[in-house]
């Protein structure tokens, strides 16, 4: 069975409909998305308390980007010491 791909806008629309009171079973039937998938989207797009309003997806993106940024800072520190000597 071929896995369907949904864009972020579609996912957010479904989650907003859920938040306005439409049941997951109705959304599932109407849009052809499994109930489990809708619940996963709701979980992924719901901000975590005490995280500054970030969703789990946004937190994962930040954690993924963090090592790259740390590496850039280290490179810039080394460059600063080289230029400071001249």
C-alpha atoms as a PDB file:
ATOM      1  CA  UNK A   1       0.000   0.000   0.000  1.00  0.00           C
ATOM      2  CA  UNK A   2       1.364   3.409  -0.990  1.00  0.00           C
ATOM      3  CA  UNK A   3       1.917   5.836   1.877  1.00  0.00           C
ATOM      4  CA  UNK A   4       0.150   9.180   1.430  1.00  0.00           C
ATOM      5  CA  UNK A   5       2.027  12.424   2.009  1.00  0.00           C
ATOM      6  CA  UNK A   6       0.242  15.457   3.392  1.00  0.00           C
ATOM      7  CA  UNK A   7       1.636  18.984   3.385  1.00  0.00           C
ATOM      8  CA  UNK A   8       1.995  21.008   6.569  1.00  0.00           C
ATOM      9  CA  UNK A   9      -0.898  23.323   5.692  1.00  0.00           C
ATOM     10  CA  UNK A  10      -3.293  20.371   5.344  1.00  0.00           C
ATOM     11  CA  UNK A  11      -2.155  18.957   8.689  1.00  0.00           C
ATOM     12  CA  UNK A  12      -2.646  22.296  10.417  1.00  0.00           C
ATOM     13  CA  UNK A  13      -6.112  22.636   8.898  1.00  0.00           C
ATOM     14  CA  UNK A  14      -7.150  19.224  10.211  1.00  0.00           C
ATOM     15  CA  UNK A  15      -5.762  20.037  13.681  1.00  0.00           C
ATOM     16  CA  UNK A  16      -7.594  23.380  13.734  1.00  0.00           C
ATOM     17  CA  UNK A  17     -10.851  21.645  12.774  1.00  0.00           C
ATOM     18  CA  UNK A  18     -10.247  19.181  15.615  1.00  0.00           C
ATOM     19  CA  UNK A  19      -9.620  22.042  18.062  1.00  0.00           C
ATOM     20  CA  UNK A  20     -12.862  23.749  17.027  1.00  0.00           C
ATOM     21  CA  UNK A  21     -14.812  20.690  18.081  1.00  0.00           C
ATOM     22  CA  UNK A  22     -15.014  18.410  15.060  1.00  0.00           C
ATOM     23  CA  UNK A  23     -14.540  14.822  16.181  1.00  0.00           C
ATOM     24  CA  UNK A  24     -11.621  12.771  14.944  1.00  0.00           C
ATOM     25  CA  UNK A  25     -13.934  10.123  13.511  1.00  0.00           C
ATOM     26  CA  UNK A  26     -15.755  12.733  11.389  1.00  0.00           C
ATOM     27  CA  UNK A  27     -12.470  14.238  10.191  1.00  0.00           C
ATOM     28  CA  UNK A  28     -11.165  10.776   9.386  1.00  0.00           C
ATOM     29  CA  UNK A  29     -14.168   9.897   7.260  1.00  0.00           C
ATOM     30  CA  UNK A  30     -14.403  13.292   5.578  1.00  0.00           C
ATOM     31  CA  UNK A  31     -10.733  13.665   4.616  1.00  0.00           C
ATOM     32  CA  UNK A  32      -9.671  10.028   4.287  1.00  0.00           C
ATOM     33  CA  UNK A  33      -7.006  10.217   6.986  1.00  0.00           C
ATOM     34  CA  UNK A  34      -6.737   7.566   9.675  1.00  0.00           C
ATOM     35  CA  UNK A  35      -7.736   8.508  13.206  1.00  0.00           C
ATOM     36  CA  UNK A  36      -4.310   7.515  14.536  1.00  0.00           C
ATOM     37  CA  UNK A  37      -2.647   9.873  12.059  1.00  0.00           C
ATOM     38  CA  UNK A  38      -4.886  12.755  13.125  1.00  0.00           C
ATOM     39  CA  UNK A  39      -4.074  12.131  16.789  1.00  0.00           C
ATOM     40  CA  UNK A  40      -0.352  12.148  15.913  1.00  0.00           C
ATOM     41  CA  UNK A  41      -0.745  15.484  14.116  1.00  0.00           C
ATOM     42  CA  UNK A  42      -2.615  16.951  17.080  1.00  0.00           C
ATOM     43  CA  UNK A  43       0.144  15.835  19.426  1.00  0.00           C
ATOM     44  CA  UNK A  44       2.904  17.123  17.132  1.00  0.00           C
ATOM     45  CA  UNK A  45       1.251  20.504  16.574  1.00  0.00           C
ATOM     46  CA  UNK A  46       0.217  21.179  20.171  1.00  0.00           C
ATOM     47  CA  UNK A  47       2.619  23.440  22.081  1.00  0.00           C
ATOM     48  CA  UNK A  48       4.295  21.890  25.105  1.00  0.00           C
ATOM     49  CA  UNK A  49       3.788  23.696  28.405  1.00  0.00           C
ATOM     50  CA  UNK A  50       6.819  25.578  29.738  1.00  0.00           C
ATOM     51  CA  UNK A  51       8.531  25.466  26.336  1.00  0.00           C
ATOM     52  CA  UNK A  52       7.709  28.959  25.198  1.00  0.00           C
ATOM     53  CA  UNK A  53       4.848  27.729  23.024  1.00  0.00           C
ATOM     54  CA  UNK A  54       6.983  25.379  20.941  1.00  0.00           C
ATOM     55  CA  UNK A  55       5.582  22.183  19.491  1.00  0.00           C
ATOM     56  CA  UNK A  56       7.451  18.862  19.668  1.00  0.00           C
ATOM     57  CA  UNK A  57       8.220  19.194  15.951  1.00  0.00           C
ATOM     58  CA  UNK A  58       9.757  22.645  16.431  1.00  0.00           C
ATOM     59  CA  UNK A  59      11.799  21.421  19.390  1.00  0.00           C
ATOM     60  CA  UNK A  60      13.162  18.538  17.308  1.00  0.00           C
ATOM     61  CA  UNK A  61      14.159  20.958  14.537  1.00  0.00           C
ATOM     62  CA  UNK A  62      15.955  23.191  17.029  1.00  0.00           C
ATOM     63  CA  UNK A  63      17.798  20.236  18.549  1.00  0.00           C
ATOM     64  CA  UNK A  64      18.832  19.115  15.074  1.00  0.00           C
ATOM     65  CA  UNK A  65      20.160  22.575  14.189  1.00  0.00           C
ATOM     66  CA  UNK A  66      21.944  23.174  17.508  1.00  0.00           C
ATOM     67  CA  UNK A  67      25.112  21.080  16.838  1.00  0.00           C
ATOM     68  CA  UNK A  68      25.649  22.853  13.515  1.00  0.00           C
ATOM     69  CA  UNK A  69      25.378  26.254  15.183  1.00  0.00           C
ATOM     70  CA  UNK A  70      27.772  25.200  17.957  1.00  0.00           C
ATOM     71  CA  UNK A  71      30.279  24.133  15.300  1.00  0.00           C
ATOM     72  CA  UNK A  72      29.945  27.505  13.558  1.00  0.00           C
ATOM     73  CA  UNK A  73      30.610  29.312  16.849  1.00  0.00           C
ATOM     74  CA  UNK A  74      33.762  27.256  17.419  1.00  0.00           C
ATOM     75  CA  UNK A  75      35.011  28.065  13.904  1.00  0.00           C
ATOM     76  CA  UNK A  76      34.375  31.769  14.462  1.00  0.00           C
ATOM     77  CA  UNK A  77      36.223  31.673  17.805  1.00  0.00           C
ATOM     78  CA  UNK A  78      39.244  30.102  16.113  1.00  0.00           C
ATOM     79  CA  UNK A  79      39.121  32.685  13.325  1.00  0.00           C
ATOM     80  CA  UNK A  80      38.945  35.474  15.908  1.00  0.00           C
ATOM     81  CA  UNK A  81      42.125  34.253  17.616  1.00  0.00           C
ATOM     82  CA  UNK A  82      43.924  34.045  14.248  1.00  0.00           C
ATOM     83  CA  UNK A  83      42.937  37.597  13.284  1.00  0.00           C
ATOM     84  CA  UNK A  84      43.725  38.918  16.785  1.00  0.00           C
ATOM     85  CA  UNK A  85      47.352  37.804  16.388  1.00  0.00           C
ATOM     86  CA  UNK A  86      47.867  39.872  13.223  1.00  0.00           C
END
